[in-house]
Amino acid sequence: MHKAQLYSSANALQTRDAAAALSLYRDAMSWPDECDVLDVGCGSGDVTSQLLLPALKSYSSLTGVDVSQQMVKYAMSKYQQPNVTFRYLDIVAPDFRPRDLFPRGFHKVFSFYCLHWISDQKLAFSNLSELLLPGGELLVVFLASAPLFTIYERLAKDSTWSRYMKDVSKFVSPYQHVANPEDELKSHLLDSGLQVKDCKCILQHFSYPSAVALKSNYIIQ
């Protein structure tokens, strides 16, 4: 539970960019009176409950899912309420069948700072597409590249740290060394049967208030 609490207190970067995306795109989305919403990679649940939920123009259910049992347990203990639930889910698990688990599907699927941890992007977006109802909409924000990933790669080549970093590829965005990540992402989206309304790769900067805050953010990754 400790890491979930740390994530909740050290995710200012993730919260900032999720808020910016919602502010930019919410009014351009369609909102039926009854709207089932999914948040993929909900983490500790604070962004789901404190940022995404108030931003929804309408909803009948909001489900947050995460691959970390610890995060889900924390989110359930702190943020679960009527029509807002949290559950464990690995969206690229070999045995995951989207409509077997969620037969009703969803009108809206959101994901903030999650999908860059998934190496099989094609499968991830295929499953997300299958979760959407006809006319449903998907809004995702994730890292194409970042200095953090460069640090990981350099440590993996350093004799002092390499033995601890044998699985470094799991912690580096699949777009880290892609010359045009927008085009590659669009290709995955289109191959998944989705229509692309907007796809942008934006250069962002973030200033941490202290060395402690910087360290905490790196620990929660």
Protein backbone atom coordinates (compact mmCIF):
# COMPACT_ATOMS: atom_id res chain seq x y z
CA MET A 1 0.00 0.00 0.00
CA HIS A 2 2.96 2.30 0.61
CA LYS A 3 3.75 2.77 -3.09
CA ALA A 4 0.11 3.57 -3.84
CA GLN A 5 0.15 6.27 -1.18
CA LEU A 6 3.43 7.62 -2.56
CA TYR A 7 2.01 7.67 -6.09
CA SER A 8 -1.02 9.58 -4.87
CA SER A 9 1.21 12.27 -3.36
CA ALA A 10 3.82 12.45 -6.13
CA ASN A 11 1.87 12.44 -9.39
CA ALA A 12 1.67 16.18 -10.05
CA LEU A 13 3.05 15.76 -13.58
CA GLN A 14 0.48 13.11 -14.47
CA THR A 15 -2.33 15.15 -12.94
CA ARG A 16 -1.32 18.31 -14.79
CA ASP A 17 -1.31 16.66 -18.20
CA ALA A 18 -4.53 14.72 -17.59
CA ALA A 19 -6.26 17.96 -16.59
CA ALA A 20 -4.95 19.71 -19.71
CA ALA A 21 -6.20 16.95 -21.99
CA LEU A 22 -9.64 16.91 -20.40
CA SER A 23 -9.89 20.68 -20.65
CA LEU A 24 -8.90 20.58 -24.32
CA TYR A 25 -11.08 17.70 -25.51
CA ARG A 26 -14.04 17.28 -23.16
CA ASP A 27 -16.34 19.72 -24.94
CA ALA A 28 -15.52 18.17 -28.32
CA MET A 29 -16.78 14.77 -27.15
CA SER A 30 -20.39 13.60 -27.31
CA TRP A 31 -22.11 12.88 -23.99
CA PRO A 32 -25.20 10.65 -23.93
CA ASP A 33 -27.39 10.87 -20.83
CA GLU A 34 -26.34 7.37 -19.78
CA CYS A 35 -22.58 7.12 -20.18
CA ASP A 36 -20.44 4.17 -19.07
CA VAL A 37 -16.83 5.29 -18.62
CA LEU A 38 -13.58 3.34 -18.26
CA ASP A 39 -10.26 4.68 -16.94
CA VAL A 40 -7.36 2.40 -17.94
CA GLY A 41 -4.33 2.63 -15.66
CA CYS A 42 -6.19 4.32 -12.82
CA GLY A 43 -3.28 3.92 -10.39
CA SER A 44 -4.17 5.06 -6.90
CA GLY A 45 -7.56 6.33 -8.08
CA ASP A 46 -7.11 9.99 -7.23
CA VAL A 47 -7.02 11.20 -10.85
CA THR A 48 -10.02 8.99 -11.63
CA SER A 49 -12.11 10.30 -8.74
CA GLN A 50 -10.87 13.84 -8.22
CA LEU A 51 -10.16 14.89 -11.80
CA LEU A 52 -11.88 12.64 -14.33
CA LEU A 53 -15.16 12.14 -12.46
CA PRO A 54 -15.90 15.89 -11.99
CA ALA A 55 -14.99 16.51 -15.64
CA LEU A 56 -17.56 14.05 -16.99
CA LYS A 57 -20.61 15.80 -18.41
CA SER A 58 -22.68 12.69 -17.74
CA TYR A 59 -22.09 9.17 -16.51
CA SER A 60 -23.96 6.16 -15.25
CA SER A 61 -20.85 4.24 -14.23
CA LEU A 62 -17.13 4.94 -13.92
CA THR A 63 -14.74 1.99 -13.72
CA GLY A 64 -11.04 2.35 -12.98
CA VAL A 65 -8.73 -0.55 -13.83
CA ASP A 66 -5.04 -1.10 -13.16
CA VAL A 67 -2.46 -3.87 -13.49
CA SER A 68 -1.30 -3.30 -9.90
CA GLN A 69 -3.32 -5.12 -7.25
CA GLN A 70 -1.83 -2.75 -4.67
CA MET A 71 -3.07 0.32 -6.52
CA VAL A 72 -6.54 -1.15 -6.98
CA LYS A 73 -6.80 -2.06 -3.31
CA TYR A 74 -5.83 1.47 -2.32
CA ALA A 75 -8.27 3.06 -4.80
CA MET A 76 -11.10 0.85 -3.57
CA SER A 77 -10.41 1.71 0.06
CA LYS A 78 -10.31 5.45 -0.56
CA TYR A 79 -12.43 6.31 -3.58
CA GLN A 80 -15.03 3.62 -4.29
CA GLN A 81 -18.59 4.93 -4.16
CA PRO A 82 -21.93 4.19 -5.82
CA ASN A 83 -21.37 3.87 -9.59
CA VAL A 84 -17.59 4.31 -9.18
CA THR A 85 -15.66 1.04 -8.96
CA PHE A 86 -12.09 -0.20 -9.27
CA ARG A 87 -10.77 -3.57 -10.34
CA TYR A 88 -7.61 -5.36 -11.41
CA LEU A 89 -7.04 -5.69 -15.15
CA ASP A 90 -4.13 -6.30 -17.49
CA ILE A 91 -5.42 -5.13 -20.87
CA VAL A 92 -2.78 -7.10 -22.77
CA ALA A 93 -3.01 -10.35 -20.79
CA PRO A 94 -3.10 -13.36 -23.16
CA ASP A 95 -6.42 -14.54 -21.74
CA PHE A 96 -8.12 -11.12 -21.72
CA ARG A 97 -11.28 -11.05 -23.80
CA PRO A 98 -12.66 -7.49 -23.56
CA ARG A 99 -16.35 -8.22 -24.05
CA ASP A 100 -16.27 -11.34 -21.87
CA LEU A 101 -15.24 -9.19 -18.92
CA PHE A 102 -17.23 -6.08 -19.89
CA PRO A 103 -20.16 -7.31 -22.02
CA ARG A 104 -21.90 -3.92 -21.96
CA GLY A 105 -18.88 -2.07 -23.32
CA PHE A 106 -18.16 1.62 -22.70
CA HIS A 107 -19.18 4.93 -24.23
CA LYS A 108 -15.89 6.56 -23.20
CA VAL A 109 -12.44 5.11 -22.49
CA PHE A 110 -9.72 7.28 -20.94
CA SER A 111 -6.11 6.49 -20.12
CA PHE A 112 -3.57 8.86 -18.59
CA TYR A 113 0.14 8.06 -18.31
CA CYS A 114 -0.31 4.31 -18.67
CA LEU A 115 0.03 3.08 -22.23
CA HIS A 116 3.75 3.86 -22.63
CA TRP A 117 4.41 0.94 -20.25
CA ILE A 118 2.91 -1.50 -22.76
CA SER A 119 5.27 -2.85 -25.41
CA ASP A 120 2.54 -4.44 -27.54
CA GLN A 121 0.81 -1.26 -28.64
CA LYS A 122 -1.13 -2.99 -31.40
CA LEU A 123 -2.77 -5.39 -28.95
CA ALA A 124 -3.43 -2.65 -26.41
CA PHE A 125 -5.33 -0.47 -28.87
CA SER A 126 -7.12 -3.44 -30.39
CA ASN A 127 -8.49 -4.35 -26.97
CA LEU A 128 -9.38 -0.74 -26.17
CA SER A 129 -11.22 -0.49 -29.48
CA GLU A 130 -13.17 -3.64 -28.69
CA LEU A 131 -14.24 -2.18 -25.35
CA LEU A 132 -15.83 0.83 -27.05
CA LEU A 133 -19.48 0.85 -28.03
CA PRO A 134 -20.38 2.03 -31.56
CA GLY A 135 -19.82 5.78 -31.59
CA GLY A 136 -17.71 5.57 -28.43
CA GLU A 137 -14.67 7.76 -27.90
CA LEU A 138 -11.12 7.17 -26.67
CA LEU A 139 -8.85 9.79 -25.08
CA VAL A 140 -5.33 8.77 -24.10
CA VAL A 141 -2.28 10.65 -22.83
CA PHE A 142 1.10 8.96 -22.50
CA LEU A 143 4.83 9.52 -22.94
CA ALA A 144 6.38 9.01 -26.35
CA SER A 145 9.85 9.72 -24.98
CA ALA A 146 11.35 11.12 -21.81
CA PRO A 147 14.72 11.75 -20.13
CA LEU A 148 13.73 9.15 -17.53
CA PHE A 149 13.83 6.42 -20.17
CA THR A 150 17.27 7.58 -21.34
CA ILE A 151 18.51 7.28 -17.77
CA TYR A 152 17.18 3.73 -17.55
CA GLU A 153 18.92 2.77 -20.79
CA ARG A 154 22.23 4.25 -19.69
CA LEU A 155 22.07 2.50 -16.33
CA ALA A 156 21.38 -0.79 -18.12
CA LYS A 157 24.70 -0.39 -19.95
CA ASP A 158 26.66 0.59 -16.84
CA SER A 159 28.63 -2.26 -15.27
CA THR A 160 27.54 -1.19 -11.79
CA TRP A 161 23.83 -1.32 -12.53
CA SER A 162 23.37 -3.60 -15.53
CA ARG A 163 22.64 -6.70 -13.44
CA TYR A 164 19.64 -4.89 -11.96
CA MET A 165 18.37 -3.66 -15.34
CA LYS A 166 18.13 -6.80 -17.46
CA ASP A 167 14.45 -6.10 -18.21
CA VAL A 168 14.98 -2.41 -18.98
CA SER A 169 12.89 -2.59 -22.16
CA LYS A 170 9.80 -3.06 -19.98
CA PHE A 171 10.37 0.39 -18.51
CA VAL A 172 11.01 2.35 -21.71
CA SER A 173 8.29 3.71 -23.98
CA PRO A 174 8.02 1.79 -27.28
CA TYR A 175 8.13 5.20 -29.00
CA GLN A 176 11.35 6.35 -27.30
CA HIS A 177 13.46 5.99 -30.45
CA VAL A 178 10.72 6.43 -33.06
CA ALA A 179 11.38 9.38 -35.36
CA ASN A 180 7.68 10.16 -35.87
CA PRO A 181 5.63 8.73 -33.00
CA GLU A 182 2.44 10.42 -34.23
CA ASP A 183 2.45 8.42 -37.46
CA GLU A 184 3.17 5.14 -35.70
CA LEU A 185 0.42 5.74 -33.15
CA LYS A 186 -2.06 6.69 -35.87
CA SER A 187 -1.22 3.45 -37.65
CA HIS A 188 -2.03 1.42 -34.53
CA LEU A 189 -5.28 3.30 -34.01
CA LEU A 190 -6.43 2.84 -37.59
CA ASP A 191 -5.45 -0.83 -37.61
CA SER A 192 -7.63 -1.24 -34.52
CA GLY A 193 -10.66 0.07 -36.38
CA LEU A 194 -10.64 3.48 -34.72
CA GLN A 195 -11.13 6.83 -36.43
CA VAL A 196 -8.49 9.39 -35.48
CA LYS A 197 -9.88 12.85 -34.75
CA ASP A 198 -6.66 14.24 -33.29
CA CYS A 199 -3.20 12.88 -32.51
CA LYS A 200 -0.44 15.17 -31.25
CA CYS A 201 3.06 14.73 -29.91
CA ILE A 202 3.65 17.76 -27.70
CA LEU A 203 6.95 18.80 -26.10
CA GLN A 204 6.31 19.42 -22.42
CA HIS A 205 8.45 20.60 -19.53
CA PHE A 206 7.87 20.08 -15.84
CA SER A 207 9.72 21.70 -12.94
CA TYR A 208 9.85 19.76 -9.70
CA PRO A 209 9.68 21.91 -6.57
CA SER A 210 12.47 19.98 -4.85
CA ALA A 211 14.93 17.10 -5.22
CA VAL A 212 12.68 15.06 -2.94
CA ALA A 213 9.72 15.57 -5.27
CA LEU A 214 11.84 14.56 -8.27
CA LYS A 215 13.04 11.40 -6.52
CA SER A 216 9.50 10.50 -5.45
CA ASN A 217 8.23 10.82 -9.00
CA TYR A 218 10.97 8.54 -10.32
CA ILE A 219 10.26 5.96 -7.61
CA ILE A 220 6.58 5.70 -8.53
CA GLN A 221 7.29 4.96 -12.20
